[in-house]
């Protein structure tokens, strides 16, 4: 079956809402909702096609668009490959220039539907925040860590990986319990760096797999948010085949935890994530000021073990 390539936009406002469009009468799948975009014509780059389609469909001029995910989907009559871009800046107010209805929606809970099947996984990805924090209890000590955690939660932190290899079973259980209690009222989600069984036993929202655990996994565990540490493209491909929720790629820059390790750099990071189907966080020497740099090179956001806990 022939593959049809399309450029698709996630137009996102400052309040986090995204723009959806209803397919008008007379078109296939009329009445279904989707992210705006369209077919990439011969000779066009995905970005050029995106800008053209949004001008034609919505009457807007895109001024900032970052590559994000590439997802494939098989409809009964065609196989589509969707090149998603995050679009955060544009000129003019979007209008339904082709007779389509438009609606700004929160990815956490839509009031319109049904969504085209190819777009449904995108909503889950959009519910992942821009920052993925990794605990650093061993370096900070308990008092300083929990002060930093409180500060980060107050400032919107919503996704945390507990990674404390130095703790024995009893100490880890106690630490995880404290973190879960602190985060409960903020609705922050906690992943345990370890085994699937241990994550379930400790009651975390998910599991973060080291690369060796990723390659040993045969299917995504049910009922858990699932992420993996990746260091090259084949790791990302494995995570994508398993349909994990997201991945972390490292090291992007020099980092204290792996001194002297070969780094990807931003261009190397962009090369590795190009065409990837999952949201990917950049890890290794990251600061909050690197977020836009990360976005521009295809990252979903930043993973951080040190700077995120600064008060």
C-alpha atoms as a PDB file:
ATOM      1  CA  UNK A   1       0.000   0.000   0.000  1.00  0.00           C
ATOM      2  CA  UNK A   2       1.338   3.447  -0.923  1.00  0.00           C
ATOM      3  CA  UNK A   3       2.471   5.648   1.950  1.00  0.00           C
ATOM      4  CA  UNK A   4       1.023   9.171   2.040  1.00  0.00           C
ATOM      5  CA  UNK A   5       3.157  11.688   3.934  1.00  0.00           C
ATOM      6  CA  UNK A   6       1.419  14.561   5.690  1.00  0.00           C
ATOM      7  CA  UNK A   7       2.544  17.495   7.810  1.00  0.00           C
ATOM      8  CA  UNK A   8       0.431  18.028  10.927  1.00  0.00           C
ATOM      9  CA  UNK A   9       0.363  20.914  13.395  1.00  0.00           C
ATOM     10  CA  UNK A  10      -0.185  20.919  17.123  1.00  0.00           C
ATOM     11  CA  UNK A  11      -1.047  24.590  17.590  1.00  0.00           C
ATOM     12  CA  UNK A  12      -0.664  25.178  21.317  1.00  0.00           C
ATOM     13  CA  UNK A  13      -1.595  28.314  23.224  1.00  0.00           C
ATOM     14  CA  UNK A  14       0.118  29.522  26.387  1.00  0.00           C
ATOM     15  CA  UNK A  15      -2.676  27.954  28.473  1.00  0.00           C
ATOM     16  CA  UNK A  16      -1.845  24.519  27.014  1.00  0.00           C
ATOM     17  CA  UNK A  17      -4.971  24.203  24.867  1.00  0.00           C
ATOM     18  CA  UNK A  18      -4.521  22.878  21.327  1.00  0.00           C
ATOM     19  CA  UNK A  19      -6.494  23.537  18.151  1.00  0.00           C
ATOM     20  CA  UNK A  20      -8.625  20.784  16.621  1.00  0.00           C
ATOM     21  CA  UNK A  21     -10.574  20.862  13.376  1.00  0.00           C
ATOM     22  CA  UNK A  22     -13.682  18.940  12.336  1.00  0.00           C
ATOM     23  CA  UNK A  23     -13.584  17.378   8.896  1.00  0.00           C
ATOM     24  CA  UNK A  24     -16.383  19.014   6.852  1.00  0.00           C
ATOM     25  CA  UNK A  25     -19.188  17.305   4.967  1.00  0.00           C
ATOM     26  CA  UNK A  26     -18.117  15.871   1.618  1.00  0.00           C
ATOM     27  CA  UNK A  27     -14.670  14.787   2.817  1.00  0.00           C
ATOM     28  CA  UNK A  28     -13.707  11.266   3.933  1.00  0.00           C
ATOM     29  CA  UNK A  29     -14.301  10.804   7.670  1.00  0.00           C
ATOM     30  CA  UNK A  30     -16.615  13.842   7.756  1.00  0.00           C
ATOM     31  CA  UNK A  31     -17.544  14.809  11.307  1.00  0.00           C
ATOM     32  CA  UNK A  32     -14.351  13.405  12.807  1.00  0.00           C
ATOM     33  CA  UNK A  33     -11.869  15.698  14.529  1.00  0.00           C
ATOM     34  CA  UNK A  34      -8.145  16.013  13.845  1.00  0.00           C
ATOM     35  CA  UNK A  35      -5.094  18.201  14.187  1.00  0.00           C
ATOM     36  CA  UNK A  36      -4.842  20.546  11.181  1.00  0.00           C
ATOM     37  CA  UNK A  37      -2.425  19.836   8.342  1.00  0.00           C
ATOM     38  CA  UNK A  38      -2.262  18.122   4.989  1.00  0.00           C
ATOM     39  CA  UNK A  39      -0.410  16.168   2.375  1.00  0.00           C
ATOM     40  CA  UNK A  40       3.244  16.893   1.629  1.00  0.00           C
ATOM     41  CA  UNK A  41       3.543  17.596  -2.081  1.00  0.00           C
ATOM     42  CA  UNK A  42       6.408  16.427  -4.275  1.00  0.00           C
ATOM     43  CA  UNK A  43       9.447  18.624  -3.726  1.00  0.00           C
ATOM     44  CA  UNK A  44       8.221  20.000  -0.399  1.00  0.00           C
ATOM     45  CA  UNK A  45       9.869  19.576   2.972  1.00  0.00           C
ATOM     46  CA  UNK A  46       7.508  18.711   5.839  1.00  0.00           C
ATOM     47  CA  UNK A  47       7.983  22.193   7.314  1.00  0.00           C
ATOM     48  CA  UNK A  48       7.208  23.933   4.021  1.00  0.00           C
ATOM     49  CA  UNK A  49       4.086  21.805   3.596  1.00  0.00           C
ATOM     50  CA  UNK A  50       3.013  22.602   7.144  1.00  0.00           C
ATOM     51  CA  UNK A  51       3.262  26.354   6.595  1.00  0.00           C
ATOM     52  CA  UNK A  52       1.417  26.152   3.264  1.00  0.00           C
ATOM     53  CA  UNK A  53      -1.383  23.964   4.633  1.00  0.00           C
ATOM     54  CA  UNK A  54      -1.963  26.169   7.664  1.00  0.00           C
ATOM     55  CA  UNK A  55      -2.111  29.261   5.484  1.00  0.00           C
ATOM     56  CA  UNK A  56      -4.685  27.584   3.229  1.00  0.00           C
ATOM     57  CA  UNK A  57      -6.745  25.886   5.954  1.00  0.00           C
ATOM     58  CA  UNK A  58      -6.565  28.391   8.814  1.00  0.00           C
ATOM     59  CA  UNK A  59      -5.362  31.664   7.293  1.00  0.00           C
ATOM     60  CA  UNK A  60      -2.384  31.867   9.655  1.00  0.00           C
ATOM     61  CA  UNK A  61       1.312  32.474   9.121  1.00  0.00           C
ATOM     62  CA  UNK A  62       3.494  30.149  11.163  1.00  0.00           C
ATOM     63  CA  UNK A  63       6.430  31.951  12.797  1.00  0.00           C
ATOM     64  CA  UNK A  64       7.697  29.168  15.087  1.00  0.00           C
ATOM     65  CA  UNK A  65       7.384  25.413  14.486  1.00  0.00           C
ATOM     66  CA  UNK A  66       9.468  22.603  15.928  1.00  0.00           C
ATOM     67  CA  UNK A  67       9.644  18.974  14.708  1.00  0.00           C
ATOM     68  CA  UNK A  68       8.106  16.631  17.261  1.00  0.00           C
ATOM     69  CA  UNK A  69       6.883  13.105  16.377  1.00  0.00           C
ATOM     70  CA  UNK A  70       6.453  10.974  13.271  1.00  0.00           C
ATOM     71  CA  UNK A  71       3.579   8.487  13.499  1.00  0.00           C
ATOM     72  CA  UNK A  72       2.378   5.937  10.943  1.00  0.00           C
ATOM     73  CA  UNK A  73      -1.170   4.631  10.687  1.00  0.00           C
ATOM     74  CA  UNK A  74      -2.984   2.278   8.343  1.00  0.00           C
ATOM     75  CA  UNK A  75      -6.508   3.249   7.316  1.00  0.00           C
ATOM     76  CA  UNK A  76      -8.563   0.771   5.252  1.00  0.00           C
ATOM     77  CA  UNK A  77      -7.696   2.625   2.030  1.00  0.00           C
ATOM     78  CA  UNK A  78      -4.252   4.112   2.722  1.00  0.00           C
ATOM     79  CA  UNK A  79      -1.141   4.146   4.880  1.00  0.00           C
ATOM     80  CA  UNK A  80      -0.314   7.593   6.270  1.00  0.00           C
ATOM     81  CA  UNK A  81       2.915   8.856   7.811  1.00  0.00           C
ATOM     82  CA  UNK A  82       2.227  11.946   9.893  1.00  0.00           C
ATOM     83  CA  UNK A  83       5.029  14.423  10.580  1.00  0.00           C
ATOM     84  CA  UNK A  84       3.883  16.318  13.687  1.00  0.00           C
ATOM     85  CA  UNK A  85       5.181  19.772  14.538  1.00  0.00           C
ATOM     86  CA  UNK A  86       4.682  21.799  17.708  1.00  0.00           C
ATOM     87  CA  UNK A  87       3.543  25.271  16.668  1.00  0.00           C
ATOM     88  CA  UNK A  88       3.618  27.844  19.446  1.00  0.00           C
ATOM     89  CA  UNK A  89       3.770  31.127  17.529  1.00  0.00           C
ATOM     90  CA  UNK A  90       1.786  32.340  14.507  1.00  0.00           C
ATOM     91  CA  UNK A  91       0.236  35.466  13.032  1.00  0.00           C
ATOM     92  CA  UNK A  92      -3.542  35.992  12.640  1.00  0.00           C
ATOM     93  CA  UNK A  93      -6.394  34.227  14.410  1.00  0.00           C
ATOM     94  CA  UNK A  94      -7.127  30.740  13.025  1.00  0.00           C
ATOM     95  CA  UNK A  95     -10.287  30.482  10.930  1.00  0.00           C
ATOM     96  CA  UNK A  96     -12.005  27.573   9.195  1.00  0.00           C
ATOM     97  CA  UNK A  97     -11.108  28.664   5.656  1.00  0.00           C
ATOM     98  CA  UNK A  98     -12.408  25.398   4.159  1.00  0.00           C
ATOM     99  CA  UNK A  99     -15.714  25.316   6.029  1.00  0.00           C
ATOM    100  CA  UNK A 100     -14.381  23.251   8.924  1.00  0.00           C
ATOM    101  CA  UNK A 101     -15.343  23.899  12.548  1.00  0.00           C
ATOM    102  CA  UNK A 102     -12.475  24.698  14.939  1.00  0.00           C
ATOM    103  CA  UNK A 103     -12.192  24.222  18.674  1.00  0.00           C
ATOM    104  CA  UNK A 104      -9.512  24.928  21.273  1.00  0.00           C
ATOM    105  CA  UNK A 105      -9.301  21.903  23.554  1.00  0.00           C
ATOM    106  CA  UNK A 106      -7.397  20.685  26.603  1.00  0.00           C
ATOM    107  CA  UNK A 107      -5.486  17.466  25.775  1.00  0.00           C
ATOM    108  CA  UNK A 108      -6.390  16.172  29.235  1.00  0.00           C
ATOM    109  CA  UNK A 109     -10.094  16.040  28.402  1.00  0.00           C
ATOM    110  CA  UNK A 110     -11.770  16.756  25.076  1.00  0.00           C
ATOM    111  CA  UNK A 111     -15.307  18.067  24.712  1.00  0.00           C
ATOM    112  CA  UNK A 112     -15.404  17.250  20.967  1.00  0.00           C
ATOM    113  CA  UNK A 113     -15.130  13.979  19.085  1.00  0.00           C
ATOM    114  CA  UNK A 114     -14.641  11.456  17.755  1.00  0.00           C
ATOM    115  CA  UNK A 115     -10.965  11.935  16.972  1.00  0.00           C
ATOM    116  CA  UNK A 116      -9.446  10.380  13.867  1.00  0.00           C
ATOM    117  CA  UNK A 117      -7.712   7.173  15.042  1.00  0.00           C
ATOM    118  CA  UNK A 118      -4.279   8.323  13.885  1.00  0.00           C
ATOM    119  CA  UNK A 119      -4.486  11.337  16.216  1.00  0.00           C
ATOM    120  CA  UNK A 120      -5.490   9.618  19.459  1.00  0.00           C
ATOM    121  CA  UNK A 121      -1.947   8.685  20.694  1.00  0.00           C
ATOM    122  CA  UNK A 122      -0.922  12.313  20.274  1.00  0.00           C
ATOM    123  CA  UNK A 123      -3.240  13.431  23.067  1.00  0.00           C
ATOM    124  CA  UNK A 124      -1.493  11.172  25.593  1.00  0.00           C
ATOM    125  CA  UNK A 125       1.889  12.546  24.513  1.00  0.00           C
ATOM    126  CA  UNK A 126       0.633  16.109  24.930  1.00  0.00           C
ATOM    127  CA  UNK A 127      -0.186  15.372  28.567  1.00  0.00           C
ATOM    128  CA  UNK A 128       3.516  14.884  29.300  1.00  0.00           C
ATOM    129  CA  UNK A 129       5.087  18.048  30.753  1.00  0.00           C
ATOM    130  CA  UNK A 130       8.189  19.756  29.391  1.00  0.00           C
ATOM    131  CA  UNK A 131      10.370  18.787  32.369  1.00  0.00           C
ATOM    132  CA  UNK A 132      11.095  15.265  33.651  1.00  0.00           C
ATOM    133  CA  UNK A 133      12.893  15.408  36.992  1.00  0.00           C
ATOM    134  CA  UNK A 134      15.226  12.680  38.307  1.00  0.00           C
ATOM    135  CA  UNK A 135      15.705  12.412  42.051  1.00  0.00           C
ATOM    136  CA  UNK A 136      19.140  13.170  43.490  1.00  0.00           C
ATOM    137  CA  UNK A 137      18.835  12.119  47.120  1.00  0.00           C
ATOM    138  CA  UNK A 138      22.360  10.741  47.439  1.00  0.00           C
ATOM    139  CA  UNK A 139      24.002  14.026  46.442  1.00  0.00           C
ATOM    140  CA  UNK A 140      21.610  16.403  48.217  1.00  0.00           C
ATOM    141  CA  UNK A 141      20.718  14.567  51.391  1.00  0.00           C
ATOM    142  CA  UNK A 142      17.145  14.106  52.560  1.00  0.00           C
ATOM    143  CA  UNK A 143      16.489  17.580  53.991  1.00  0.00           C
ATOM    144  CA  UNK A 144      17.775  19.501  50.958  1.00  0.00           C
ATOM    145  CA  UNK A 145      16.090  17.121  48.519  1.00  0.00           C
ATOM    146  CA  UNK A 146      12.628  17.518  50.024  1.00  0.00           C
ATOM    147  CA  UNK A 147      13.003  21.306  50.152  1.00  0.00           C
ATOM    148  CA  UNK A 148      13.900  21.200  46.459  1.00  0.00           C
ATOM    149  CA  UNK A 149      10.997  18.867  45.698  1.00  0.00           C
ATOM    150  CA  UNK A 150       8.507  21.158  47.425  1.00  0.00           C
ATOM    151  CA  UNK A 151       9.843  24.168  45.517  1.00  0.00           C
ATOM    152  CA  UNK A 152       9.678  22.312  42.190  1.00  0.00           C
ATOM    153  CA  UNK A 153       6.126  21.083  42.828  1.00  0.00           C
ATOM    154  CA  UNK A 154       5.019  24.603  43.725  1.00  0.00           C
ATOM    155  CA  UNK A 155       6.445  25.712  40.379  1.00  0.00           C
ATOM    156  CA  UNK A 156       4.517  23.140  38.354  1.00  0.00           C
ATOM    157  CA  UNK A 157       6.696  20.010  38.268  1.00  0.00           C
ATOM    158  CA  UNK A 158       4.512  17.113  37.170  1.00  0.00           C
ATOM    159  CA  UNK A 159       6.735  14.144  36.251  1.00  0.00           C
ATOM    160  CA  UNK A 160       9.444  12.570  38.429  1.00  0.00           C
ATOM    161  CA  UNK A 161      11.712   9.547  38.125  1.00  0.00           C
ATOM    162  CA  UNK A 162      12.877   7.995  41.392  1.00  0.00           C
ATOM    163  CA  UNK A 163      16.416   6.815  40.689  1.00  0.00           C
ATOM    164  CA  UNK A 164      18.268   5.928  43.880  1.00  0.00           C
ATOM    165  CA  UNK A 165      20.407   2.855  43.239  1.00  0.00           C
ATOM    166  CA  UNK A 166      22.236   3.240  46.553  1.00  0.00           C
ATOM    167  CA  UNK A 167      19.157   2.582  48.695  1.00  0.00           C
ATOM    168  CA  UNK A 168      18.366  -0.879  50.003  1.00  0.00           C
ATOM    169  CA  UNK A 169      14.861  -2.287  49.677  1.00  0.00           C
ATOM    170  CA  UNK A 170      13.522  -0.899  52.945  1.00  0.00           C
ATOM    171  CA  UNK A 171      14.998   2.564  52.474  1.00  0.00           C
ATOM    172  CA  UNK A 172      13.736   2.723  48.878  1.00  0.00           C
ATOM    173  CA  UNK A 173      10.209   1.792  49.962  1.00  0.00           C
ATOM    174  CA  UNK A 174      10.258   4.534  52.595  1.00  0.00           C
ATOM    175  CA  UNK A 175      11.640   7.139  50.192  1.00  0.00           C
ATOM    176  CA  UNK A 176       9.120   6.312  47.456  1.00  0.00           C
ATOM    177  CA  UNK A 177       6.299   6.498  50.009  1.00  0.00           C
ATOM    178  CA  UNK A 178       7.439   9.987  51.078  1.00  0.00           C
ATOM    179  CA  UNK A 179       7.706  11.204  47.491  1.00  0.00           C
ATOM    180  CA  UNK A 180       4.277   9.832  46.581  1.00  0.00           C
ATOM    181  CA  UNK A 181       2.745  11.506  49.640  1.00  0.00           C
ATOM    182  CA  UNK A 182       4.361  14.859  48.817  1.00  0.00           C
ATOM    183  CA  UNK A 183       3.242  14.709  45.186  1.00  0.00           C
ATOM    184  CA  UNK A 184      -0.312  13.450  45.678  1.00  0.00           C
ATOM    185  CA  UNK A 185      -2.031  16.830  46.039  1.00  0.00           C
ATOM    186  CA  UNK A 186      -0.117  18.177  43.021  1.00  0.00           C
ATOM    187  CA  UNK A 187      -1.166  15.230  40.815  1.00  0.00           C
ATOM    188  CA  UNK A 188       2.487  14.766  39.827  1.00  0.00           C
ATOM    189  CA  UNK A 189       3.273  11.326  38.406  1.00  0.00           C
ATOM    190  CA  UNK A 190       6.120   9.200  39.753  1.00  0.00           C
ATOM    191  CA  UNK A 191       8.092   6.552  37.832  1.00  0.00           C
ATOM    192  CA  UNK A 192      10.460   4.112  39.497  1.00  0.00           C
ATOM    193  CA  UNK A 193      13.789   3.422  37.841  1.00  0.00           C
ATOM    194  CA  UNK A 194      13.843  -0.336  38.283  1.00  0.00           C
ATOM    195  CA  UNK A 195      11.783  -3.388  37.473  1.00  0.00           C
ATOM    196  CA  UNK A 196       8.129  -3.512  36.482  1.00  0.00           C
ATOM    197  CA  UNK A 197       7.359  -5.744  39.465  1.00  0.00           C
ATOM    198  CA  UNK A 198       9.001  -3.337  41.894  1.00  0.00           C
ATOM    199  CA  UNK A 199       7.113  -0.355  40.451  1.00  0.00           C
ATOM    200  CA  UNK A 200       3.840  -2.200  40.937  1.00  0.00           C
ATOM    201  CA  UNK A 201       4.815  -3.266  44.451  1.00  0.00           C
ATOM    202  CA  UNK A 202       5.693   0.293  45.497  1.00  0.00           C
ATOM    203  CA  UNK A 203       2.595   1.806  43.895  1.00  0.00           C
ATOM    204  CA  UNK A 204       4.280   4.276  41.557  1.00  0.00           C
ATOM    205  CA  UNK A 205       2.439   5.581  38.511  1.00  0.00           C
ATOM    206  CA  UNK A 206       4.973   4.043  36.182  1.00  0.00           C
ATOM    207  CA  UNK A 207       8.333   2.465  35.556  1.00  0.00           C
ATOM    208  CA  UNK A 208      11.482   3.819  33.945  1.00  0.00           C
ATOM    209  CA  UNK A 209      13.565   1.120  32.296  1.00  0.00           C
ATOM    210  CA  UNK A 210      17.333   1.188  31.979  1.00  0.00           C
ATOM    211  CA  UNK A 211      18.461   0.284  28.461  1.00  0.00           C
ATOM    212  CA  UNK A 212      19.203  -3.346  29.375  1.00  0.00           C
ATOM    213  CA  UNK A 213      15.683  -3.733  30.810  1.00  0.00           C
ATOM    214  CA  UNK A 214      14.272  -2.111  27.664  1.00  0.00           C
ATOM    215  CA  UNK A 215      15.883  -4.743  25.452  1.00  0.00           C
ATOM    216  CA  UNK A 216      14.671  -7.556  27.700  1.00  0.00           C
ATOM    217  CA  UNK A 217      11.072  -6.324  27.550  1.00  0.00           C
ATOM    218  CA  UNK A 218       8.713  -8.142  25.184  1.00  0.00           C
ATOM    219  CA  UNK A 219       5.558  -6.056  25.694  1.00  0.00           C
ATOM    220  CA  UNK A 220       4.627  -2.810  27.393  1.00  0.00           C
ATOM    221  CA  UNK A 221       3.395  -3.507  30.942  1.00  0.00           C
ATOM    222  CA  UNK A 222      -0.314  -2.857  31.378  1.00  0.00           C
ATOM    223  CA  UNK A 223      -1.516  -0.193  33.765  1.00  0.00           C
ATOM    224  CA  UNK A 224       1.775   1.682  34.075  1.00  0.00           C
ATOM    225  CA  UNK A 225       3.267   4.756  32.494  1.00  0.00           C
ATOM    226  CA  UNK A 226       6.383   3.325  30.865  1.00  0.00           C
ATOM    227  CA  UNK A 227       9.591   5.091  29.799  1.00  0.00           C
ATOM    228  CA  UNK A 228      13.107   4.015  28.899  1.00  0.00           C
ATOM    229  CA  UNK A 229      16.683   5.282  28.882  1.00  0.00           C
ATOM    230  CA  UNK A 230      18.089   5.368  25.354  1.00  0.00           C
ATOM    231  CA  UNK A 231      21.554   6.191  24.032  1.00  0.00           C
ATOM    232  CA  UNK A 232      21.203   5.661  20.290  1.00  0.00           C
ATOM    233  CA  UNK A 233      18.632   5.388  17.528  1.00  0.00           C
ATOM    234  CA  UNK A 234      18.164   1.630  17.801  1.00  0.00           C
ATOM    235  CA  UNK A 235      17.158   2.037  21.460  1.00  0.00           C
ATOM    236  CA  UNK A 236      14.532   4.602  20.448  1.00  0.00           C
ATOM    237  CA  UNK A 237      13.273   2.268  17.731  1.00  0.00           C
ATOM    238  CA  UNK A 238      12.889  -0.538  20.279  1.00  0.00           C
ATOM    239  CA  UNK A 239      10.958   1.765  22.623  1.00  0.00           C
ATOM    240  CA  UNK A 240       8.749   2.807  19.711  1.00  0.00           C
ATOM    241  CA  UNK A 241       8.042  -0.794  18.701  1.00  0.00           C
ATOM    242  CA  UNK A 242       6.908  -1.504  22.257  1.00  0.00           C
ATOM    243  CA  UNK A 243       4.762   1.663  22.168  1.00  0.00           C
ATOM    244  CA  UNK A 244       6.201   2.990  25.412  1.00  0.00           C
ATOM    245  CA  UNK A 245       4.931   6.358  26.601  1.00  0.00           C
ATOM    246  CA  UNK A 246       8.204   8.248  26.186  1.00  0.00           C
ATOM    247  CA  UNK A 247      11.970   7.938  26.161  1.00  0.00           C
ATOM    248  CA  UNK A 248      15.036   9.769  27.443  1.00  0.00           C
ATOM    249  CA  UNK A 249      18.081  10.184  25.195  1.00  0.00           C
ATOM    250  CA  UNK A 250      21.509  10.938  26.661  1.00  0.00           C
ATOM    251  CA  UNK A 251      24.081  12.307  27.121  1.00  0.00           C
ATOM    252  CA  UNK A 252      23.453  15.478  25.141  1.00  0.00           C
ATOM    253  CA  UNK A 253      26.053  17.605  26.927  1.00  0.00           C
ATOM    254  CA  UNK A 254      28.837  16.972  29.429  1.00  0.00           C
ATOM    255  CA  UNK A 255      27.430  15.737  32.715  1.00  0.00           C
ATOM    256  CA  UNK A 256      28.807  15.203  36.223  1.00  0.00           C
ATOM    257  CA  UNK A 257      27.250  11.736  36.482  1.00  0.00           C
ATOM    258  CA  UNK A 258      29.165  10.436  33.424  1.00  0.00           C
ATOM    259  CA  UNK A 259      32.387  12.473  33.185  1.00  0.00           C
ATOM    260  CA  UNK A 260      34.317  11.883  29.984  1.00  0.00           C
ATOM    261  CA  UNK A 261      31.441  10.083  28.232  1.00  0.00           C
ATOM    262  CA  UNK A 262      30.999  10.696  24.508  1.00  0.00           C
ATOM    263  CA  UNK A 263      28.271  13.293  24.077  1.00  0.00           C
ATOM    264  CA  UNK A 264      25.668  13.618  21.337  1.00  0.00           C
ATOM    265  CA  UNK A 265      25.560  17.410  21.122  1.00  0.00           C
ATOM    266  CA  UNK A 266      22.370  19.034  19.869  1.00  0.00           C
ATOM    267  CA  UNK A 267      22.931  18.114  16.233  1.00  0.00           C
ATOM    268  CA  UNK A 268      23.597  14.506  17.186  1.00  0.00           C
ATOM    269  CA  UNK A 269      20.474  14.484  19.342  1.00  0.00           C
ATOM    270  CA  UNK A 270      18.392  15.831  16.443  1.00  0.00           C
ATOM    271  CA  UNK A 271      19.783  13.150  14.127  1.00  0.00           C
ATOM    272  CA  UNK A 272      18.963  10.330  16.559  1.00  0.00           C
ATOM    273  CA  UNK A 273      15.370  11.462  17.215  1.00  0.00           C
ATOM    274  CA  UNK A 274      14.520  12.305  13.597  1.00  0.00           C
ATOM    275  CA  UNK A 275      11.496  10.288  12.518  1.00  0.00           C
ATOM    276  CA  UNK A 276      10.937   8.943  16.025  1.00  0.00           C
ATOM    277  CA  UNK A 277       7.390   8.016  17.076  1.00  0.00           C
ATOM    278  CA  UNK A 278       7.702   8.749  20.817  1.00  0.00           C
ATOM    279  CA  UNK A 279       8.201  11.918  22.850  1.00  0.00           C
ATOM    280  CA  UNK A 280      11.890  12.119  23.802  1.00  0.00           C
ATOM    281  CA  UNK A 281      13.445  14.088  26.661  1.00  0.00           C
ATOM    282  CA  UNK A 282      17.008  15.389  26.340  1.00  0.00           C
ATOM    283  CA  UNK A 283      19.257  14.421  29.277  1.00  0.00           C
ATOM    284  CA  UNK A 284      22.815  15.338  30.197  1.00  0.00           C
ATOM    285  CA  UNK A 285      23.991  18.714  31.446  1.00  0.00           C
ATOM    286  CA  UNK A 286      20.573  20.318  30.985  1.00  0.00           C
ATOM    287  CA  UNK A 287      19.442  23.651  32.428  1.00  0.00           C
ATOM    288  CA  UNK A 288      15.926  25.108  32.265  1.00  0.00           C
ATOM    289  CA  UNK A 289      17.306  27.723  29.875  1.00  0.00           C
ATOM    290  CA  UNK A 290      17.966  24.895  27.363  1.00  0.00           C
ATOM    291  CA  UNK A 291      14.255  24.171  26.810  1.00  0.00           C
ATOM    292  CA  UNK A 292      13.789  26.107  23.585  1.00  0.00           C
ATOM    293  CA  UNK A 293      17.061  24.699  22.235  1.00  0.00           C
ATOM    294  CA  UNK A 294      15.748  21.220  23.013  1.00  0.00           C
ATOM    295  CA  UNK A 295      12.418  21.881  21.282  1.00  0.00           C
ATOM    296  CA  UNK A 296      14.144  23.179  18.181  1.00  0.00           C
ATOM    297  CA  UNK A 297      16.102  19.918  17.899  1.00  0.00           C
ATOM    298  CA  UNK A 298      13.091  17.614  18.203  1.00  0.00           C
ATOM    299  CA  UNK A 299      12.920  17.046  21.961  1.00  0.00           C
ATOM    300  CA  UNK A 300       9.666  16.935  23.869  1.00  0.00           C
ATOM    301  CA  UNK A 301      11.436  18.537  26.799  1.00  0.00           C
ATOM    302  CA  UNK A 302      14.277  18.261  29.310  1.00  0.00           C
ATOM    303  CA  UNK A 303      15.216  15.529  31.781  1.00  0.00           C
ATOM    304  CA  UNK A 304      17.262  16.855  34.702  1.00  0.00           C
ATOM    305  CA  UNK A 305      18.821  15.404  37.846  1.00  0.00           C
ATOM    306  CA  UNK A 306      20.508  18.453  39.362  1.00  0.00           C
ATOM    307  CA  UNK A 307      19.338  21.871  38.163  1.00  0.00           C
ATOM    308  CA  UNK A 308      15.669  21.039  38.685  1.00  0.00           C
ATOM    309  CA  UNK A 309      16.112  20.826  42.489  1.00  0.00           C
ATOM    310  CA  UNK A 310      17.759  24.238  42.875  1.00  0.00           C
ATOM    311  CA  UNK A 311      15.909  26.591  45.235  1.00  0.00           C
END
